[in-house]
Amino acid sequence: MSVTRRTFLAMSAAAGVLAGPALGVARAATAQTKPVRVGYIADYFGTSLTAIASDQEMWAKHGLEPELKVFTNGPIQIQALGAGSLDFGYVGPGALWLPASGKAKLIAMNALGLSDRVIAQAGNNTMADLKGKKIGVPEGTSGDMLLRLALAREGMQIGDVEVVKMDPSTVVSAFASKQIDGAGIWYPLVGIIKRNVPDMVEVAKSADFYPANSFPSAFVARNEVVAEDPDLVQRMIAVLKEANDFRAADVPRSVEITAKFLGVPSEPLVTESENGQYLTSAELAAATRDGTVAKWLTGLNEQFVGFGKLQDPLDPKDYYLGDLYAG
């Protein structure tokens, strides 16, 4: 389901920021314009291309009239795709096991993110210190993934900690009130937590596992849309490519646009943007053709199998529309 403006405002208030996403639509539709329902997550990685496309009027340019819906994480967007209430969405690396299980198709890669952290209350400096303690995690997200990687690095398993499943905004409030001992979460929320709990400890970060492990985010499509309306998919990819190149050329400007779109201060988004790698659309197309993207996705599949998320993941060529993107 999508998050209403009222719910999002409440979520952002819990996180300690002012918010008010622009759930807008494109300019007046023409006879050739197609309506499209697009999901996004209210942070830099999850919003920037949507915000740029809106600010630079790219939707109308490519014949789309979007209904934009804000979500708290990727798995909920995959559910919305399956329910037929969303056409396209954004997912972080932690949710890519769902397309790998056939729940959706990847239409475009977004960026390589290094913004996830395992954080802990003061006095917990290692994963071993967190053994048996409460760790707040949004299930099926990149925060969940990083927690499992950090545990495995120390020879531990997920059962060695008490995982408390909660949405991202609840992680922020629960950590600040010391209801949990640690969390698997990401920037900009880590920055917000740090302002409220200045002595918090970053126990592990995405960069600890890169480049052996890559953390790509991506855009997904409803299976039925791919099968029944390839023209809509091509238009969506065209928007994403143009917005992606705008961002790659001027990340600071894209941060300003995203902050304005979300109605939040730019500072947390600046920090988040500094924890990413942004390839141009031509570079992403080349990485698709030479097998680099398939290698990213295969590596994630191996992690998901190891985590027990999947038993027999699809081959990346069966859920990433690489030929369409690279073409």
Protein backbone atom coordinates (compact mmCIF):
# COMPACT_ATOMS: atom_id res chain seq x y z
CA MET A 1 0.00 0.00 0.00
CA SER A 2 1.08 3.61 -0.43
CA VAL A 3 1.77 5.95 2.44
CA THR A 4 -0.58 8.90 2.74
CA ARG A 5 0.69 12.44 3.21
CA ARG A 6 -0.54 12.39 6.82
CA THR A 7 1.28 9.12 7.54
CA PHE A 8 4.47 10.38 5.92
CA LEU A 9 4.39 13.59 7.92
CA ALA A 10 4.03 11.55 11.08
CA MET A 11 6.90 9.30 10.05
CA SER A 12 9.16 12.25 9.34
CA ALA A 13 8.24 13.92 12.62
CA ALA A 14 9.33 10.76 14.42
CA ALA A 15 12.60 10.96 12.54
CA GLY A 16 13.10 14.54 13.67
CA VAL A 17 12.74 16.30 10.33
CA LEU A 18 10.05 18.39 8.70
CA ALA A 19 8.56 16.70 5.69
CA GLY A 20 5.96 17.13 3.05
CA PRO A 21 6.52 15.18 -0.17
CA ALA A 22 5.25 16.53 -3.40
CA LEU A 23 2.84 13.84 -4.51
CA GLY A 24 2.34 15.64 -7.77
CA VAL A 25 1.42 14.77 -11.30
CA ALA A 26 2.86 15.98 -14.55
CA ARG A 27 1.45 18.76 -16.68
CA ALA A 28 -1.88 18.43 -18.47
CA ALA A 29 -2.10 15.22 -20.40
CA THR A 30 -2.18 15.13 -24.15
CA ALA A 31 -3.97 12.56 -26.24
CA GLN A 32 -0.72 10.57 -26.39
CA THR A 33 0.08 10.84 -22.69
CA LYS A 34 -0.16 7.69 -20.61
CA PRO A 35 -0.98 7.63 -16.90
CA VAL A 36 1.53 5.80 -14.75
CA ARG A 37 1.73 4.99 -11.03
CA VAL A 38 5.25 5.32 -9.66
CA GLY A 39 6.52 4.54 -6.17
CA TYR A 40 9.49 6.06 -4.39
CA ILE A 41 11.13 6.04 -0.94
CA ALA A 42 11.57 9.37 0.84
CA ASP A 43 15.37 9.59 0.90
CA TYR A 44 17.99 10.68 -1.61
CA PHE A 45 18.58 7.36 -3.36
CA GLY A 46 14.88 6.54 -3.42
CA THR A 47 13.58 9.94 -4.55
CA SER A 48 16.23 11.80 -6.54
CA LEU A 49 15.34 10.56 -10.04
CA THR A 50 11.62 11.01 -9.38
CA ALA A 51 12.24 14.52 -8.06
CA ILE A 52 14.48 15.47 -10.99
CA ALA A 53 11.96 14.14 -13.51
CA SER A 54 9.26 16.26 -11.86
CA ASP A 55 11.39 19.39 -11.50
CA GLN A 56 12.71 19.23 -15.06
CA GLU A 57 9.35 18.25 -16.61
CA MET A 58 10.72 15.00 -18.00
CA TRP A 59 7.47 13.08 -17.43
CA ALA A 60 5.53 15.16 -19.93
CA LYS A 61 8.47 15.19 -22.34
CA HIS A 62 8.25 11.40 -22.57
CA GLY A 63 4.46 11.27 -22.66
CA LEU A 64 3.74 10.22 -19.07
CA GLU A 65 1.34 11.59 -16.46
CA PRO A 66 2.57 10.18 -13.15
CA GLU A 67 0.74 9.52 -9.93
CA LEU A 68 3.59 9.48 -7.41
CA LYS A 69 3.25 7.39 -4.25
CA VAL A 70 5.63 7.45 -1.29
CA PHE A 71 6.56 4.22 0.53
CA THR A 72 8.73 3.39 3.51
CA ASN A 73 10.63 0.50 1.89
CA GLY A 74 11.03 -1.65 -1.21
CA PRO A 75 9.20 -4.84 -0.17
CA ILE A 76 5.96 -2.89 0.34
CA GLN A 77 6.30 -1.55 -3.21
CA ILE A 78 6.74 -5.08 -4.55
CA GLN A 79 3.52 -5.99 -2.73
CA ALA A 80 1.79 -3.02 -4.36
CA LEU A 81 3.04 -4.14 -7.77
CA GLY A 82 1.64 -7.60 -7.15
CA ALA A 83 -1.69 -6.16 -6.03
CA GLY A 84 -1.95 -4.09 -9.21
CA SER A 85 -1.96 -0.73 -7.41
CA LEU A 86 1.48 0.35 -8.68
CA ASP A 87 3.18 0.15 -12.08
CA PHE A 88 6.79 1.00 -11.23
CA GLY A 89 8.74 1.37 -8.01
CA TYR A 90 12.15 1.80 -6.43
CA VAL A 91 13.96 -0.82 -4.33
CA GLY A 92 17.25 -0.90 -2.48
CA PRO A 93 19.63 -3.87 -2.64
CA GLY A 94 18.04 -5.60 0.33
CA ALA A 95 14.75 -6.03 -1.55
CA LEU A 96 16.26 -7.36 -4.77
CA TRP A 97 15.57 -10.92 -3.65
CA LEU A 98 11.94 -10.28 -4.59
CA PRO A 99 12.58 -9.69 -8.32
CA ALA A 100 15.02 -12.62 -8.15
CA SER A 101 12.07 -14.75 -7.01
CA GLY A 102 9.90 -13.57 -9.91
CA LYS A 103 7.80 -10.97 -8.07
CA ALA A 104 8.76 -8.11 -10.42
CA LYS A 105 11.12 -7.15 -13.23
CA LEU A 106 14.09 -4.79 -13.00
CA ILE A 107 13.96 -2.11 -15.69
CA ALA A 108 16.91 0.08 -14.69
CA MET A 109 19.72 0.23 -12.18
CA ASN A 110 19.90 3.34 -10.00
CA ALA A 111 23.16 3.73 -8.08
CA LEU A 112 25.66 1.84 -5.97
CA GLY A 113 24.88 2.79 -2.41
CA LEU A 114 27.16 2.68 0.62
CA SER A 115 24.82 4.42 3.06
CA ASP A 116 23.78 1.49 5.28
CA ARG A 117 25.03 1.04 8.82
CA VAL A 118 24.75 -1.28 11.79
CA ILE A 119 24.58 1.10 14.72
CA ALA A 120 24.59 0.46 18.46
CA GLN A 121 24.13 2.20 21.75
CA ALA A 122 27.29 3.44 23.49
CA GLY A 123 29.37 0.63 24.96
CA ASN A 124 28.63 -1.78 22.11
CA ASN A 125 31.61 -1.51 19.81
CA THR A 126 31.52 -4.86 17.99
CA MET A 127 28.95 -7.35 16.72
CA ALA A 128 29.98 -9.65 19.57
CA ASP A 129 28.91 -6.93 22.01
CA LEU A 130 25.42 -7.09 20.49
CA LYS A 131 24.99 -10.84 21.01
CA GLY A 132 21.61 -11.58 22.56
CA LYS A 133 20.56 -7.92 22.36
CA LYS A 134 17.64 -6.23 20.57
CA ILE A 135 18.38 -5.05 17.03
CA GLY A 136 15.74 -3.04 15.18
CA VAL A 137 15.56 -3.81 11.46
CA PRO A 138 13.16 -3.00 8.63
CA GLU A 139 12.74 -6.53 7.28
CA GLY A 140 13.92 -7.28 3.75
CA THR A 141 15.81 -4.01 3.35
CA SER A 142 19.46 -3.13 2.82
CA GLY A 143 19.73 -2.56 6.57
CA ASP A 144 18.65 -6.17 7.09
CA MET A 145 21.24 -7.29 4.53
CA LEU A 146 24.08 -5.36 6.15
CA LEU A 147 23.21 -6.74 9.58
CA ARG A 148 23.48 -10.30 8.25
CA LEU A 149 26.77 -9.57 6.49
CA ALA A 150 28.22 -8.02 9.63
CA LEU A 151 27.15 -10.98 11.74
CA ALA A 152 28.60 -13.49 9.26
CA ARG A 153 31.93 -11.64 9.19
CA GLU A 154 32.22 -12.25 12.94
CA GLY A 155 31.16 -15.90 12.66
CA MET A 156 27.71 -15.14 14.06
CA GLN A 157 24.21 -15.87 12.78
CA ILE A 158 20.99 -13.87 12.78
CA GLY A 159 19.76 -16.03 15.66
CA ASP A 160 22.61 -14.69 17.83
CA VAL A 161 20.76 -11.38 18.18
CA GLU A 162 17.13 -10.59 18.95
CA VAL A 163 15.80 -9.08 15.74
CA VAL A 164 12.91 -6.66 16.24
CA LYS A 165 11.10 -6.01 12.96
CA MET A 166 10.01 -2.39 12.62
CA ASP A 167 9.56 0.27 9.98
CA PRO A 168 12.34 2.84 9.46
CA SER A 169 10.71 5.68 11.41
CA THR A 170 10.11 3.37 14.37
CA VAL A 171 13.80 2.41 14.35
CA VAL A 172 14.65 6.09 14.77
CA SER A 173 12.33 6.65 17.73
CA ALA A 174 13.07 3.28 19.34
CA PHE A 175 16.83 3.84 19.21
CA ALA A 176 16.53 7.37 20.57
CA SER A 177 14.45 6.11 23.50
CA LYS A 178 16.87 3.17 24.04
CA GLN A 179 14.17 0.57 23.49
CA ILE A 180 16.62 -1.23 21.20
CA ASP A 181 20.34 -1.84 21.56
CA GLY A 182 21.20 -1.57 17.89
CA ALA A 183 19.79 -1.26 14.40
CA GLY A 184 20.36 -2.07 10.76
CA ILE A 185 19.46 1.23 9.11
CA TRP A 186 20.73 3.79 6.59
CA TYR A 187 21.48 7.46 5.97
CA PRO A 188 19.85 9.97 6.20
CA LEU A 189 18.15 8.26 9.17
CA VAL A 190 21.53 7.43 10.74
CA GLY A 191 22.35 11.13 10.70
CA ILE A 192 19.06 11.97 12.37
CA ILE A 193 19.68 9.32 15.04
CA LYS A 194 23.20 10.67 15.61
CA ARG A 195 21.85 14.14 16.34
CA ASN A 196 19.57 12.70 19.01
CA VAL A 197 22.05 10.11 20.32
CA PRO A 198 25.51 11.64 19.75
CA ASP A 199 27.37 8.79 21.46
CA MET A 200 25.91 6.09 19.19
CA VAL A 201 28.44 3.72 17.59
CA GLU A 202 28.68 2.73 13.93
CA VAL A 203 29.59 -0.93 14.27
CA ALA A 204 29.56 -1.79 10.55
CA LYS A 205 29.06 0.03 7.26
CA SER A 206 28.43 -0.97 3.65
CA ALA A 207 31.91 0.12 2.59
CA ASP A 208 33.38 -2.60 4.83
CA PHE A 209 32.11 -5.19 2.34
CA TYR A 210 32.69 -3.35 -0.95
CA PRO A 211 33.78 -4.20 -3.65
CA ALA A 212 33.52 -7.90 -2.79
CA ASN A 213 29.83 -7.14 -2.29
CA SER A 214 28.00 -4.52 -4.35
CA PHE A 215 24.85 -2.75 -3.20
CA PRO A 216 22.92 -1.54 -6.26
CA SER A 217 19.48 0.00 -5.98
CA ALA A 218 17.09 -0.32 -8.91
CA PHE A 219 13.72 0.42 -10.44
CA VAL A 220 11.14 -2.33 -10.80
CA ALA A 221 8.04 -2.90 -12.88
CA ARG A 222 4.89 -4.92 -12.41
CA ASN A 223 5.17 -8.17 -14.37
CA GLU A 224 1.87 -7.52 -16.14
CA VAL A 225 3.01 -4.06 -17.30
CA VAL A 226 6.13 -5.56 -18.85
CA ALA A 227 4.08 -8.21 -20.63
CA GLU A 228 1.17 -6.02 -21.73
CA ASP A 229 2.53 -2.49 -22.28
CA PRO A 230 6.16 -2.47 -23.45
CA ASP A 231 5.70 1.09 -24.72
CA LEU A 232 4.98 2.29 -21.18
CA VAL A 233 8.12 0.51 -19.96
CA GLN A 234 10.22 2.15 -22.67
CA ARG A 235 8.87 5.60 -21.77
CA MET A 236 9.63 5.00 -18.10
CA ILE A 237 13.17 3.90 -18.90
CA ALA A 238 13.64 7.02 -21.03
CA VAL A 239 12.62 9.22 -18.07
CA LEU A 240 14.93 7.37 -15.71
CA LYS A 241 17.88 7.61 -18.10
CA GLU A 242 17.48 11.35 -18.58
CA ALA A 243 17.04 12.00 -14.86
CA ASN A 244 19.99 9.74 -14.07
CA ASP A 245 22.29 11.68 -16.38
CA PHE A 246 21.13 14.97 -14.86
CA ARG A 247 22.04 13.62 -11.40
CA ALA A 248 25.39 12.18 -12.49
CA ALA A 249 26.34 15.55 -13.98
CA ASP A 250 25.42 17.59 -10.90
CA VAL A 251 24.86 15.66 -7.66
CA PRO A 252 24.72 18.81 -5.46
CA ARG A 253 21.97 20.28 -7.64
CA SER A 254 20.09 16.97 -7.52
CA VAL A 255 20.26 17.09 -3.71
CA GLU A 256 18.66 20.55 -3.72
CA ILE A 257 15.90 19.36 -6.04
CA THR A 258 15.25 16.27 -3.93
CA ALA A 259 15.14 18.25 -0.68
CA LYS A 260 12.65 20.68 -2.20
CA PHE A 261 10.52 17.82 -3.53
CA LEU A 262 10.43 16.13 -0.11
CA GLY A 263 10.12 19.37 1.83
CA VAL A 264 13.08 18.50 4.06
CA PRO A 265 16.42 20.14 4.92
CA SER A 266 19.15 19.32 2.43
CA GLU A 267 21.86 18.50 4.99
CA PRO A 268 20.84 14.86 5.68
CA LEU A 269 20.48 14.24 1.95
CA VAL A 270 23.95 15.66 1.31
CA THR A 271 25.43 13.10 3.70
CA GLU A 272 23.44 10.30 2.07
CA SER A 273 24.48 11.38 -1.43
CA GLU A 274 28.14 11.24 -0.40
CA ASN A 275 27.70 7.52 0.29
CA GLY A 276 26.99 6.52 -3.29
CA GLN A 277 28.50 5.98 -6.72
CA TYR A 278 26.61 7.41 -9.72
CA LEU A 279 27.16 6.02 -13.18
CA THR A 280 25.83 7.73 -16.30
CA SER A 281 23.19 5.91 -18.34
CA ALA A 282 25.83 5.13 -20.98
CA GLU A 283 28.05 3.60 -18.28
CA LEU A 284 25.12 1.58 -16.91
CA ALA A 285 24.31 0.37 -20.42
CA ALA A 286 27.95 -0.65 -20.94
CA ALA A 287 27.96 -2.39 -17.54
CA THR A 288 24.83 -4.23 -18.63
CA ARG A 289 26.36 -5.38 -21.90
CA ASP A 290 29.70 -6.51 -20.42
CA GLY A 291 28.08 -8.53 -17.63
CA THR A 292 28.99 -6.25 -14.73
CA VAL A 293 25.37 -5.71 -13.70
CA ALA A 294 24.69 -9.44 -13.93
CA LYS A 295 27.68 -9.96 -11.63
CA TRP A 296 26.20 -7.51 -9.09
CA LEU A 297 22.87 -9.32 -9.17
CA THR A 298 24.42 -12.79 -9.05
CA GLY A 299 26.44 -11.76 -6.00
CA LEU A 300 23.28 -10.56 -4.30
CA ASN A 301 21.50 -13.80 -5.20
CA GLU A 302 24.29 -15.75 -3.51
CA GLN A 303 23.87 -13.63 -0.40
CA PHE A 304 20.11 -14.15 -0.38
CA VAL A 305 20.58 -17.91 -0.63
CA GLY A 306 23.08 -17.78 2.21
CA PHE A 307 20.66 -15.71 4.30
CA GLY A 308 17.86 -18.19 3.67
CA LYS A 309 15.79 -15.66 1.69
CA LEU A 310 15.86 -17.75 -1.49
CA GLN A 311 16.52 -21.33 -2.41
CA ASP A 312 16.65 -21.16 -6.20
CA PRO A 313 16.90 -17.55 -7.46
CA LEU A 314 16.28 -16.71 -11.09
CA ASP A 315 19.19 -15.93 -13.37
CA PRO A 316 19.55 -12.12 -13.66
CA LYS A 317 18.76 -12.31 -17.40
CA ASP A 318 15.32 -13.59 -16.47
CA TYR A 319 14.35 -10.61 -14.30
CA TYR A 320 16.54 -7.70 -15.43
CA LEU A 321 15.43 -6.18 -18.75
CA GLY A 322 19.02 -5.43 -19.66
CA ASP A 323 18.55 -5.67 -23.41
CA LEU A 324 15.80 -3.05 -23.25
CA TYR A 325 17.86 -0.72 -21.05
CA ALA A 326 21.11 -1.13 -23.00
CA GLY A 327 19.24 -0.74 -26.29
